Amino acid sequence: MSNNNKKCVNKLSLLGDRILVKKTKVTQKVSGNIILPETAKNDKPYIGEVISAVKQYYPSRESTTLLDMPVKPGDKVLLPVFGGVPVSNELMNDEDKNNEYLLFSINDVFAIVEE
């Protein structure tokens, strides 16, 4: 299985059904005089940018059929707040070390965000 890598990935080859996502911040919109506590704000799904993804994957360990990956680098995806495997900044190129990167299974992705 080969990867679609952006140049920020230095030493990482994805396996299985994994995608590498750059975590982005979502601004909290509140209407009227409603104030949400910090804990409520943090328990919302967030949007991340797909940095790298395998081209094809097996949907289960028992499967013999390869499926095309439904996301590609550059796609914005809706992700759960909890989950993902943090990727060490040492694996990223110097210009990308200030961002937060996580590995997810494609099964963890809630949706592709259309722009």
PDB file of N, CA and C in Angstrom:
ATOM      1  N   MET A   1       0.847  -1.180   0.000  1.00  0.00           N
ATOM      2  CA  MET A   1       0.000   0.000   0.000  1.00  0.00           C
ATOM      3  C   MET A   1       0.885   1.232   0.000  1.00  0.00           C
ATOM      4  N   SER A   2       0.560   2.143  -0.843  1.00  0.00           N
ATOM      5  CA  SER A   2       1.382   3.350  -0.918  1.00  0.00           C
ATOM      6  C   SER A   2       0.643   4.535  -0.317  1.00  0.00           C
ATOM      7  N   ASN A   3       1.394   5.563  -0.018  1.00  0.00           N
ATOM      8  CA  ASN A   3       0.833   6.752   0.630  1.00  0.00           C
ATOM      9  C   ASN A   3       0.746   7.916  -0.334  1.00  0.00           C
ATOM     10  N   ASN A   4      -0.183   8.807  -0.058  1.00  0.00           N
ATOM     11  CA  ASN A   4      -0.214  10.118  -0.696  1.00  0.00           C
ATOM     12  C   ASN A   4       0.340  11.068   0.358  1.00  0.00           C
ATOM     13  N   ASN A   5       1.614  11.368   0.320  1.00  0.00           N
ATOM     14  CA  ASN A   5       2.221  12.184   1.371  1.00  0.00           C
ATOM     15  C   ASN A   5       2.426  13.613   0.925  1.00  0.00           C
ATOM     16  N   LYS A   6       2.098  14.561   1.808  1.00  0.00           N
ATOM     17  CA  LYS A   6       2.509  15.937   1.595  1.00  0.00           C
ATOM     18  C   LYS A   6       3.954  16.030   2.059  1.00  0.00           C
ATOM     19  N   LYS A   7       4.633  17.099   1.705  1.00  0.00           N
ATOM     20  CA  LYS A   7       6.042  17.196   2.045  1.00  0.00           C
ATOM     21  C   LYS A   7       6.328  17.368   3.524  1.00  0.00           C
ATOM     22  N   CYS A   8       5.316  17.602   4.365  1.00  0.00           N
ATOM     23  CA  CYS A   8       5.588  17.776   5.793  1.00  0.00           C
ATOM     24  C   CYS A   8       5.924  16.458   6.477  1.00  0.00           C
ATOM     25  N   VAL A   9       5.503  15.322   5.911  1.00  0.00           N
ATOM     26  CA  VAL A   9       5.770  14.031   6.524  1.00  0.00           C
ATOM     27  C   VAL A   9       7.169  13.604   6.128  1.00  0.00           C
ATOM     28  N   ASN A  10       7.993  13.421   7.137  1.00  0.00           N
ATOM     29  CA  ASN A  10       9.398  13.145   6.899  1.00  0.00           C
ATOM     30  C   ASN A  10       9.708  11.661   6.971  1.00  0.00           C
ATOM     31  N   LYS A  11       9.313  11.003   8.045  1.00  0.00           N
ATOM     32  CA  LYS A  11       9.754   9.641   8.329  1.00  0.00           C
ATOM     33  C   LYS A  11       8.588   8.720   8.643  1.00  0.00           C
ATOM     34  N   LEU A  12       7.483   8.834   7.933  1.00  0.00           N
ATOM     35  CA  LEU A  12       6.275   8.108   8.306  1.00  0.00           C
ATOM     36  C   LEU A  12       5.649   7.453   7.078  1.00  0.00           C
ATOM     37  N   SER A  13       5.453   6.129   7.134  1.00  0.00           N
ATOM     38  CA  SER A  13       4.707   5.406   6.095  1.00  0.00           C
ATOM     39  C   SER A  13       3.483   4.795   6.755  1.00  0.00           C
ATOM     40  N   LEU A  14       2.317   5.196   6.324  1.00  0.00           N
ATOM     41  CA  LEU A  14       1.077   4.733   6.932  1.00  0.00           C
ATOM     42  C   LEU A  14       0.770   3.305   6.514  1.00  0.00           C
ATOM     43  N   LEU A  15       0.163   2.558   7.438  1.00  0.00           N
ATOM     44  CA  LEU A  15      -0.220   1.174   7.190  1.00  0.00           C
ATOM     45  C   LEU A  15      -1.702   0.992   7.500  1.00  0.00           C
ATOM     46  N   GLY A  16      -2.276  -0.071   6.971  1.00  0.00           N
ATOM     47  CA  GLY A  16      -3.669  -0.402   7.273  1.00  0.00           C
ATOM     48  C   GLY A  16      -4.622   0.641   6.729  1.00  0.00           C
ATOM     49  N   ASP A  17      -5.562   1.061   7.575  1.00  0.00           N
ATOM     50  CA  ASP A  17      -6.586   2.035   7.162  1.00  0.00           C
ATOM     51  C   ASP A  17      -6.352   3.383   7.831  1.00  0.00           C
ATOM     52  N   ARG A  18      -5.106   3.743   8.023  1.00  0.00           N
ATOM     53  CA  ARG A  18      -4.759   4.947   8.773  1.00  0.00           C
ATOM     54  C   ARG A  18      -4.687   6.193   7.902  1.00  0.00           C
ATOM     55  N   ILE A  19      -4.999   7.320   8.553  1.00  0.00           N
ATOM     56  CA  ILE A  19      -4.803   8.631   7.934  1.00  0.00           C
ATOM     57  C   ILE A  19      -4.073   9.511   8.932  1.00  0.00           C
ATOM     58  N   LEU A  20      -3.255  10.412   8.430  1.00  0.00           N
ATOM     59  CA  LEU A  20      -2.561  11.395   9.250  1.00  0.00           C
ATOM     60  C   LEU A  20      -3.315  12.707   9.117  1.00  0.00           C
ATOM     61  N   VAL A  21      -3.694  13.294  10.249  1.00  0.00           N
ATOM     62  CA  VAL A  21      -4.522  14.492  10.269  1.00  0.00           C
ATOM     63  C   VAL A  21      -3.818  15.594  11.040  1.00  0.00           C
ATOM     64  N   LYS A  22      -3.876  16.811  10.489  1.00  0.00           N
ATOM     65  CA  LYS A  22      -3.394  17.989  11.215  1.00  0.00           C
ATOM     66  C   LYS A  22      -4.600  18.575  11.936  1.00  0.00           C
ATOM     67  N   LYS A  23      -4.496  18.661  13.237  1.00  0.00           N
ATOM     68  CA  LYS A  23      -5.599  19.179  14.044  1.00  0.00           C
ATOM     69  C   LYS A  23      -5.734  20.682  13.816  1.00  0.00           C
ATOM     70  N   THR A  24      -6.944  21.118  13.545  1.00  0.00           N
ATOM     71  CA  THR A  24      -7.211  22.535  13.380  1.00  0.00           C
ATOM     72  C   THR A  24      -8.167  22.989  14.462  1.00  0.00           C
ATOM     73  N   LYS A  25      -8.129  24.246  14.770  1.00  0.00           N
ATOM     74  CA  LYS A  25      -8.995  24.781  15.814  1.00  0.00           C
ATOM     75  C   LYS A  25     -10.339  25.161  15.220  1.00  0.00           C
ATOM     76  N   VAL A  26     -11.394  24.861  15.963  1.00  0.00           N
ATOM     77  CA  VAL A  26     -12.735  25.236  15.549  1.00  0.00           C
ATOM     78  C   VAL A  26     -13.201  26.349  16.464  1.00  0.00           C
ATOM     79  N   THR A  27     -13.667  27.434  15.875  1.00  0.00           N
ATOM     80  CA  THR A  27     -14.159  28.531  16.699  1.00  0.00           C
ATOM     81  C   THR A  27     -15.553  28.206  17.189  1.00  0.00           C
ATOM     82  N   GLN A  28     -15.802  28.485  18.431  1.00  0.00           N
ATOM     83  CA  GLN A  28     -17.093  28.222  19.054  1.00  0.00           C
ATOM     84  C   GLN A  28     -18.016  29.404  18.820  1.00  0.00           C
ATOM     85  N   LYS A  29     -19.140  29.176  18.140  1.00  0.00           N
ATOM     86  CA  LYS A  29     -20.102  30.243  17.901  1.00  0.00           C
ATOM     87  C   LYS A  29     -21.217  30.140  18.918  1.00  0.00           C
ATOM     88  N   VAL A  30     -21.495  31.224  19.568  1.00  0.00           N
ATOM     89  CA  VAL A  30     -22.553  31.278  20.566  1.00  0.00           C
ATOM     90  C   VAL A  30     -23.483  32.415  20.190  1.00  0.00           C
ATOM     91  N   SER A  31     -24.776  32.147  20.204  1.00  0.00           N
ATOM     92  CA  SER A  31     -25.723  33.202  19.864  1.00  0.00           C
ATOM     93  C   SER A  31     -26.399  33.725  21.124  1.00  0.00           C
ATOM     94  N   GLY A  32     -26.761  34.978  21.097  1.00  0.00           N
ATOM     95  CA  GLY A  32     -27.442  35.571  22.244  1.00  0.00           C
ATOM     96  C   GLY A  32     -26.532  35.711  23.439  1.00  0.00           C
ATOM     97  N   ASN A  33     -27.084  35.529  24.620  1.00  0.00           N
ATOM     98  CA  ASN A  33     -26.323  35.662  25.864  1.00  0.00           C
ATOM     99  C   ASN A  33     -25.974  34.315  26.475  1.00  0.00           C
ATOM    100  N   ILE A  34     -25.973  33.269  25.678  1.00  0.00           N
ATOM    101  CA  ILE A  34     -25.659  31.936  26.192  1.00  0.00           C
ATOM    102  C   ILE A  34     -24.148  31.803  26.306  1.00  0.00           C
ATOM    103  N   ILE A  35     -23.696  31.402  27.480  1.00  0.00           N
ATOM    104  CA  ILE A  35     -22.264  31.192  27.713  1.00  0.00           C
ATOM    105  C   ILE A  35     -22.071  29.712  28.013  1.00  0.00           C
ATOM    106  N   LEU A  36     -21.215  29.072  27.208  1.00  0.00           N
ATOM    107  CA  LEU A  36     -20.938  27.660  27.414  1.00  0.00           C
ATOM    108  C   LEU A  36     -19.702  27.504  28.290  1.00  0.00           C
ATOM    109  N   PRO A  37     -19.745  26.593  29.260  1.00  0.00           N
ATOM    110  CA  PRO A  37     -18.541  26.356  30.056  1.00  0.00           C
ATOM    111  C   PRO A  37     -17.444  25.738  29.196  1.00  0.00           C
ATOM    112  N   GLU A  38     -16.195  25.912  29.597  1.00  0.00           N
ATOM    113  CA  GLU A  38     -15.060  25.404  28.827  1.00  0.00           C
ATOM    114  C   GLU A  38     -15.178  23.911  28.571  1.00  0.00           C
ATOM    115  N   THR A  39     -15.680  23.146  29.558  1.00  0.00           N
ATOM    116  CA  THR A  39     -15.786  21.702  29.367  1.00  0.00           C
ATOM    117  C   THR A  39     -16.764  21.361  28.259  1.00  0.00           C
ATOM    118  N   ALA A  40     -17.836  22.107  28.116  1.00  0.00           N
ATOM    119  CA  ALA A  40     -18.810  21.853  27.054  1.00  0.00           C
ATOM    120  C   ALA A  40     -18.212  22.190  25.698  1.00  0.00           C
ATOM    121  N   LYS A  41     -17.414  23.216  25.632  1.00  0.00           N
ATOM    122  CA  LYS A  41     -16.790  23.608  24.370  1.00  0.00           C
ATOM    123  C   LYS A  41     -15.807  22.544  23.899  1.00  0.00           C
ATOM    124  N   ASN A  42     -15.124  21.899  24.821  1.00  0.00           N
ATOM    125  CA  ASN A  42     -14.077  20.953  24.469  1.00  0.00           C
ATOM    126  C   ASN A  42     -14.601  19.581  24.087  1.00  0.00           C
ATOM    127  N   ASP A  43     -15.861  19.286  24.341  1.00  0.00           N
ATOM    128  CA  ASP A  43     -16.394  17.966  24.043  1.00  0.00           C
ATOM    129  C   ASP A  43     -17.080  17.895  22.686  1.00  0.00           C
ATOM    130  N   LYS A  44     -16.827  18.836  21.822  1.00  0.00           N
ATOM    131  CA  LYS A  44     -17.412  18.863  20.487  1.00  0.00           C
ATOM    132  C   LYS A  44     -16.422  18.255  19.496  1.00  0.00           C
ATOM    133  N   PRO A  45     -16.929  17.579  18.454  1.00  0.00           N
ATOM    134  CA  PRO A  45     -16.016  17.098  17.416  1.00  0.00           C
ATOM    135  C   PRO A  45     -15.286  18.280  16.779  1.00  0.00           C
ATOM    136  N   TYR A  46     -14.150  18.020  16.191  1.00  0.00           N
ATOM    137  CA  TYR A  46     -13.392  19.090  15.550  1.00  0.00           C
ATOM    138  C   TYR A  46     -13.070  18.718  14.114  1.00  0.00           C
ATOM    139  N   ILE A  47     -12.652  19.710  13.359  1.00  0.00           N
ATOM    140  CA  ILE A  47     -12.297  19.505  11.965  1.00  0.00           C
ATOM    141  C   ILE A  47     -10.778  19.435  11.851  1.00  0.00           C
ATOM    142  N   GLY A  48     -10.307  18.469  11.098  1.00  0.00           N
ATOM    143  CA  GLY A  48      -8.888  18.326  10.850  1.00  0.00           C
ATOM    144  C   GLY A  48      -8.633  18.228   9.360  1.00  0.00           C
ATOM    145  N   GLU A  49      -7.410  18.495   8.951  1.00  0.00           N
ATOM    146  CA  GLU A  49      -7.030  18.396   7.547  1.00  0.00           C
ATOM    147  C   GLU A  49      -6.238  17.110   7.336  1.00  0.00           C
ATOM    148  N   VAL A  50      -6.646  16.311   6.355  1.00  0.00           N
ATOM    149  CA  VAL A  50      -5.930  15.085   6.029  1.00  0.00           C
ATOM    150  C   VAL A  50      -4.602  15.467   5.389  1.00  0.00           C
ATOM    151  N   ILE A  51      -3.523  14.990   5.959  1.00  0.00           N
ATOM    152  CA  ILE A  51      -2.178  15.264   5.461  1.00  0.00           C
ATOM    153  C   ILE A  51      -1.689  14.107   4.606  1.00  0.00           C
ATOM    154  N   SER A  52      -2.002  12.886   5.036  1.00  0.00           N
ATOM    155  CA  SER A  52      -1.567  11.698   4.317  1.00  0.00           C
ATOM    156  C   SER A  52      -2.581  10.590   4.549  1.00  0.00           C
ATOM    157  N   ALA A  53      -2.749   9.728   3.536  1.00  0.00           N
ATOM    158  CA  ALA A  53      -3.665   8.602   3.646  1.00  0.00           C
ATOM    159  C   ALA A  53      -3.193   7.495   2.712  1.00  0.00           C
ATOM    160  N   VAL A  54      -3.436   6.251   3.111  1.00  0.00           N
ATOM    161  CA  VAL A  54      -3.151   5.163   2.196  1.00  0.00           C
ATOM    162  C   VAL A  54      -4.152   5.259   1.046  1.00  0.00           C
ATOM    163  N   LYS A  55      -3.804   4.723  -0.114  1.00  0.00           N
ATOM    164  CA  LYS A  55      -4.715   4.792  -1.271  1.00  0.00           C
ATOM    165  C   LYS A  55      -5.821   3.755  -1.174  1.00  0.00           C
ATOM    166  N   GLN A  56      -5.476   2.562  -0.665  1.00  0.00           N
ATOM    167  CA  GLN A  56      -6.447   1.487  -0.519  1.00  0.00           C
ATOM    168  C   GLN A  56      -6.231   0.793   0.814  1.00  0.00           C
ATOM    169  N   TYR A  57      -7.289   0.153   1.302  1.00  0.00           N
ATOM    170  CA  TYR A  57      -7.203  -0.537   2.585  1.00  0.00           C
ATOM    171  C   TYR A  57      -8.159  -1.718   2.606  1.00  0.00           C
ATOM    172  N   TYR A  58      -7.908  -2.670   3.507  1.00  0.00           N
ATOM    173  CA  TYR A  58      -8.815  -3.785   3.743  1.00  0.00           C
ATOM    174  C   TYR A  58      -9.792  -3.367   4.837  1.00  0.00           C
ATOM    175  N   PRO A  59     -11.105  -3.502   4.628  1.00  0.00           N
ATOM    176  CA  PRO A  59     -12.072  -3.041   5.627  1.00  0.00           C
ATOM    177  C   PRO A  59     -12.057  -3.849   6.924  1.00  0.00           C
ATOM    178  N   SER A  60     -11.519  -5.062   6.907  1.00  0.00           N
ATOM    179  CA  SER A  60     -11.385  -5.870   8.126  1.00  0.00           C
ATOM    180  C   SER A  60     -10.208  -6.815   7.951  1.00  0.00           C
ATOM    181  N   ARG A  61      -9.810  -7.435   9.032  1.00  0.00           N
ATOM    182  CA  ARG A  61      -8.683  -8.374   8.962  1.00  0.00           C
ATOM    183  C   ARG A  61      -9.020  -9.598   8.122  1.00  0.00           C
ATOM    184  N   GLU A  62     -10.289  -9.971   8.075  1.00  0.00           N
ATOM    185  CA  GLU A  62     -10.719 -11.152   7.346  1.00  0.00           C
ATOM    186  C   GLU A  62     -10.951 -10.874   5.861  1.00  0.00           C
ATOM    187  N   SER A  63     -11.062  -9.619   5.488  1.00  0.00           N
ATOM    188  CA  SER A  63     -11.414  -9.245   4.121  1.00  0.00           C
ATOM    189  C   SER A  63     -10.262  -9.485   3.157  1.00  0.00           C
ATOM    190  N   THR A  64     -10.625  -9.891   1.939  1.00  0.00           N
ATOM    191  CA  THR A  64      -9.631 -10.043   0.871  1.00  0.00           C
ATOM    192  C   THR A  64      -9.855  -9.003  -0.223  1.00  0.00           C
ATOM    193  N   THR A  65     -10.785  -8.090   0.006  1.00  0.00           N
ATOM    194  CA  THR A  65     -11.113  -7.062  -0.963  1.00  0.00           C
ATOM    195  C   THR A  65     -10.553  -5.718  -0.520  1.00  0.00           C
ATOM    196  N   LEU A  66      -9.781  -5.096  -1.398  1.00  0.00           N
ATOM    197  CA  LEU A  66      -9.251  -3.759  -1.112  1.00  0.00           C
ATOM    198  C   LEU A  66     -10.287  -2.713  -1.488  1.00  0.00           C
ATOM    199  N   LEU A  67     -10.464  -1.714  -0.620  1.00  0.00           N
ATOM    200  CA  LEU A  67     -11.353  -0.586  -0.886  1.00  0.00           C
ATOM    201  C   LEU A  67     -10.523   0.666  -1.109  1.00  0.00           C
ATOM    202  N   ASP A  68     -11.020   1.565  -1.942  1.00  0.00           N
ATOM    203  CA  ASP A  68     -10.360   2.859  -2.117  1.00  0.00           C
ATOM    204  C   ASP A  68     -10.593   3.705  -0.882  1.00  0.00           C
ATOM    205  N   MET A  69      -9.569   4.429  -0.454  1.00  0.00           N
ATOM    206  CA  MET A  69      -9.693   5.321   0.697  1.00  0.00           C
ATOM    207  C   MET A  69     -10.637   6.458   0.313  1.00  0.00           C
ATOM    208  N   PRO A  70     -11.662   6.735   1.143  1.00  0.00           N
ATOM    209  CA  PRO A  70     -12.630   7.781   0.793  1.00  0.00           C
ATOM    210  C   PRO A  70     -12.120   9.200   1.007  1.00  0.00           C
ATOM    211  N   VAL A  71     -10.959   9.372   1.632  1.00  0.00           N
ATOM    212  CA  VAL A  71     -10.396  10.707   1.839  1.00  0.00           C
ATOM    213  C   VAL A  71      -9.028  10.778   1.186  1.00  0.00           C
ATOM    214  N   LYS A  72      -8.596  12.007   0.913  1.00  0.00           N
ATOM    215  CA  LYS A  72      -7.283  12.223   0.303  1.00  0.00           C
ATOM    216  C   LYS A  72      -6.643  13.438   0.971  1.00  0.00           C
ATOM    217  N   PRO A  73      -5.340  13.603   0.808  1.00  0.00           N
ATOM    218  CA  PRO A  73      -4.684  14.778   1.395  1.00  0.00           C
ATOM    219  C   PRO A  73      -5.362  16.067   0.953  1.00  0.00           C
ATOM    220  N   GLY A  74      -5.558  16.954   1.918  1.00  0.00           N
ATOM    221  CA  GLY A  74      -6.219  18.227   1.658  1.00  0.00           C
ATOM    222  C   GLY A  74      -7.674  18.235   2.071  1.00  0.00           C
ATOM    223  N   ASP A  75      -8.297  17.053   2.197  1.00  0.00           N
ATOM    224  CA  ASP A  75      -9.690  16.986   2.636  1.00  0.00           C
ATOM    225  C   ASP A  75      -9.810  17.435   4.082  1.00  0.00           C
ATOM    226  N   LYS A  76     -10.925  18.078   4.397  1.00  0.00           N
ATOM    227  CA  LYS A  76     -11.260  18.438   5.776  1.00  0.00           C
ATOM    228  C   LYS A  76     -12.225  17.376   6.290  1.00  0.00           C
ATOM    229  N   VAL A  77     -11.964  16.850   7.493  1.00  0.00           N
ATOM    230  CA  VAL A  77     -12.794  15.784   8.048  1.00  0.00           C
ATOM    231  C   VAL A  77     -13.236  16.125   9.465  1.00  0.00           C
ATOM    232  N   LEU A  78     -14.402  15.616   9.837  1.00  0.00           N
ATOM    233  CA  LEU A  78     -14.943  15.800  11.181  1.00  0.00           C
ATOM    234  C   LEU A  78     -14.495  14.617  12.028  1.00  0.00           C
ATOM    235  N   LEU A  79     -13.831  14.913  13.150  1.00  0.00           N
ATOM    236  CA  LEU A  79     -13.205  13.889  13.986  1.00  0.00           C
ATOM    237  C   LEU A  79     -13.713  13.939  15.421  1.00  0.00           C
ATOM    238  N   PRO A  80     -13.623  12.815  16.141  1.00  0.00           N
ATOM    239  CA  PRO A  80     -14.016  12.824  17.549  1.00  0.00           C
ATOM    240  C   PRO A  80     -13.000  13.594  18.386  1.00  0.00           C
ATOM    241  N   VAL A  81     -13.484  14.161  19.495  1.00  0.00           N
ATOM    242  CA  VAL A  81     -12.594  14.902  20.394  1.00  0.00           C
ATOM    243  C   VAL A  81     -11.562  13.966  20.994  1.00  0.00           C
ATOM    244  N   PHE A  82     -12.013  12.818  21.441  1.00  0.00           N
ATOM    245  CA  PHE A  82     -11.117  11.856  22.076  1.00  0.00           C
ATOM    246  C   PHE A  82     -10.754  10.781  21.073  1.00  0.00           C
ATOM    247  N   GLY A  83      -9.503  10.457  20.998  1.00  0.00           N
ATOM    248  CA  GLY A  83      -9.061   9.432  20.067  1.00  0.00           C
ATOM    249  C   GLY A  83      -7.914   9.949  19.227  1.00  0.00           C
ATOM    250  N   GLY A  84      -7.458   9.097  18.362  1.00  0.00           N
ATOM    251  CA  GLY A  84      -6.307   9.440  17.544  1.00  0.00           C
ATOM    252  C   GLY A  84      -5.023   9.185  18.308  1.00  0.00           C
ATOM    253  N   VAL A  85      -3.990   8.896  17.583  1.00  0.00           N
ATOM    254  CA  VAL A  85      -2.671   8.651  18.170  1.00  0.00           C
ATOM    255  C   VAL A  85      -1.793   9.854  17.859  1.00  0.00           C
ATOM    256  N   PRO A  86      -1.308  10.557  18.891  1.00  0.00           N
ATOM    257  CA  PRO A  86      -0.439  11.710  18.636  1.00  0.00           C
ATOM    258  C   PRO A  86       0.840  11.287  17.915  1.00  0.00           C
ATOM    259  N   VAL A  87       1.268  12.103  16.968  1.00  0.00           N
ATOM    260  CA  VAL A  87       2.490  11.840  16.214  1.00  0.00           C
ATOM    261  C   VAL A  87       3.558  12.816  16.694  1.00  0.00           C
ATOM    262  N   SER A  88       4.705  12.287  17.033  1.00  0.00           N
ATOM    263  CA  SER A  88       5.811  13.097  17.515  1.00  0.00           C
ATOM    264  C   SER A  88       6.231  14.109  16.458  1.00  0.00           C
ATOM    265  N   ASN A  89       6.484  15.328  16.888  1.00  0.00           N
ATOM    266  CA  ASN A  89       6.939  16.374  15.964  1.00  0.00           C
ATOM    267  C   ASN A  89       8.297  16.046  15.360  1.00  0.00           C
ATOM    268  N   GLU A  90       9.034  15.127  15.961  1.00  0.00           N
ATOM    269  CA  GLU A  90      10.327  14.724  15.411  1.00  0.00           C
ATOM    270  C   GLU A  90      10.166  14.027  14.064  1.00  0.00           C
ATOM    271  N   LEU A  91       8.971  13.508  13.780  1.00  0.00           N
ATOM    272  CA  LEU A  91       8.720  12.836  12.511  1.00  0.00           C
ATOM    273  C   LEU A  91       8.294  13.804  11.413  1.00  0.00           C
ATOM    274  N   MET A  92       8.126  15.082  11.768  1.00  0.00           N
ATOM    275  CA  MET A  92       7.654  16.075  10.811  1.00  0.00           C
ATOM    276  C   MET A  92       8.825  16.960  10.381  1.00  0.00           C
ATOM    277  N   ASN A  93       8.693  17.593   9.224  1.00  0.00           N
ATOM    278  CA  ASN A  93       9.708  18.538   8.770  1.00  0.00           C
ATOM    279  C   ASN A  93       9.707  19.769   9.664  1.00  0.00           C
ATOM    280  N   ASP A  94      10.779  20.523   9.653  1.00  0.00           N
ATOM    281  CA  ASP A  94      10.955  21.659  10.557  1.00  0.00           C
ATOM    282  C   ASP A  94       9.832  22.683  10.483  1.00  0.00           C
ATOM    283  N   GLU A  95       9.331  22.996   9.274  1.00  0.00           N
ATOM    284  CA  GLU A  95       8.313  24.041   9.154  1.00  0.00           C
ATOM    285  C   GLU A  95       6.961  23.622   9.724  1.00  0.00           C
ATOM    286  N   ASP A  96       6.782  22.340  10.036  1.00  0.00           N
ATOM    287  CA  ASP A  96       5.495  21.859  10.520  1.00  0.00           C
ATOM    288  C   ASP A  96       5.518  21.423  11.981  1.00  0.00           C
ATOM    289  N   LYS A  97       6.548  21.730  12.700  1.00  0.00           N
ATOM    290  CA  LYS A  97       6.668  21.254  14.074  1.00  0.00           C
ATOM    291  C   LYS A  97       5.784  21.997  15.063  1.00  0.00           C
ATOM    292  N   ASN A  98       5.152  23.098  14.667  1.00  0.00           N
ATOM    293  CA  ASN A  98       4.284  23.844  15.577  1.00  0.00           C
ATOM    294  C   ASN A  98       2.841  23.368  15.518  1.00  0.00           C
ATOM    295  N   ASN A  99       2.532  22.410  14.656  1.00  0.00           N
ATOM    296  CA  ASN A  99       1.174  21.899  14.523  1.00  0.00           C
ATOM    297  C   ASN A  99       1.019  20.596  15.288  1.00  0.00           C
ATOM    298  N   GLU A 100      -0.229  20.217  15.557  1.00  0.00           N
ATOM    299  CA  GLU A 100      -0.518  18.962  16.234  1.00  0.00           C
ATOM    300  C   GLU A 100      -1.024  17.955  15.205  1.00  0.00           C
ATOM    301  N   TYR A 101      -0.385  16.785  15.143  1.00  0.00           N
ATOM    302  CA  TYR A 101      -0.734  15.750  14.188  1.00  0.00           C
ATOM    303  C   TYR A 101      -1.185  14.503  14.915  1.00  0.00           C
ATOM    304  N   LEU A 102      -2.218  13.839  14.352  1.00  0.00           N
ATOM    305  CA  LEU A 102      -2.771  12.628  14.942  1.00  0.00           C
ATOM    306  C   LEU A 102      -2.998  11.586  13.861  1.00  0.00           C
ATOM    307  N   LEU A 103      -2.858  10.310  14.241  1.00  0.00           N
ATOM    308  CA  LEU A 103      -3.206   9.207  13.353  1.00  0.00           C
ATOM    309  C   LEU A 103      -4.588   8.695  13.735  1.00  0.00           C
ATOM    310  N   PHE A 104      -5.436   8.491  12.744  1.00  0.00           N
ATOM    311  CA  PHE A 104      -6.771   7.945  12.952  1.00  0.00           C
ATOM    312  C   PHE A 104      -6.998   6.786  11.996  1.00  0.00           C
ATOM    313  N   SER A 105      -7.885   5.894  12.382  1.00  0.00           N
ATOM    314  CA  SER A 105      -8.417   4.898  11.459  1.00  0.00           C
ATOM    315  C   SER A 105      -9.501   5.594  10.654  1.00  0.00           C
ATOM    316  N   ILE A 106      -9.702   5.191   9.420  1.00  0.00           N
ATOM    317  CA  ILE A 106     -10.759   5.801   8.614  1.00  0.00           C
ATOM    318  C   ILE A 106     -12.121   5.574   9.273  1.00  0.00           C
ATOM    319  N   ASN A 107     -12.249   4.521  10.056  1.00  0.00           N
ATOM    320  CA  ASN A 107     -13.512   4.239  10.746  1.00  0.00           C
ATOM    321  C   ASN A 107     -13.822   5.248  11.842  1.00  0.00           C
ATOM    322  N   ASP A 108     -12.834   6.021  12.267  1.00  0.00           N
ATOM    323  CA  ASP A 108     -13.042   7.060  13.295  1.00  0.00           C
ATOM    324  C   ASP A 108     -13.555   8.363  12.707  1.00  0.00           C
ATOM    325  N   VAL A 109     -13.496   8.524  11.402  1.00  0.00           N
ATOM    326  CA  VAL A 109     -13.900   9.770  10.747  1.00  0.00           C
ATOM    327  C   VAL A 109     -15.418   9.809  10.653  1.00  0.00           C
ATOM    328  N   PHE A 110     -16.016  10.906  11.157  1.00  0.00           N
ATOM    329  CA  PHE A 110     -17.474  11.053  11.112  1.00  0.00           C
ATOM    330  C   PHE A 110     -17.965  11.462   9.728  1.00  0.00           C
ATOM    331  N   ALA A 111     -17.256  12.385   9.076  1.00  0.00           N
ATOM    332  CA  ALA A 111     -17.721  12.928   7.796  1.00  0.00           C
ATOM    333  C   ALA A 111     -16.606  13.699   7.113  1.00  0.00           C
ATOM    334  N   ILE A 112     -16.766  13.883   5.806  1.00  0.00           N
ATOM    335  CA  ILE A 112     -15.910  14.792   5.043  1.00  0.00           C
ATOM    336  C   ILE A 112     -16.632  16.123   5.024  1.00  0.00           C
ATOM    337  N   VAL A 113     -15.920  17.199   5.333  1.00  0.00           N
ATOM    338  CA  VAL A 113     -16.520  18.535   5.373  1.00  0.00           C
ATOM    339  C   VAL A 113     -16.344  19.180   4.003  1.00  0.00           C
ATOM    340  N   GLU A 114     -17.467  19.471   3.374  1.00  0.00           N
ATOM    341  CA  GLU A 114     -17.450  20.113   2.061  1.00  0.00           C
ATOM    342  C   GLU A 114     -17.279  21.616   2.250  1.00  0.00           C
ATOM    343  N   GLU A 115     -16.475  22.231   1.415  1.00  0.00           N
ATOM    344  CA  GLU A 115     -16.259  23.681   1.519  1.00  0.00           C
ATOM    345  C   GLU A 115     -17.073  24.419   0.499  1.00  0.00           C
TER     346      GLU A 115
END
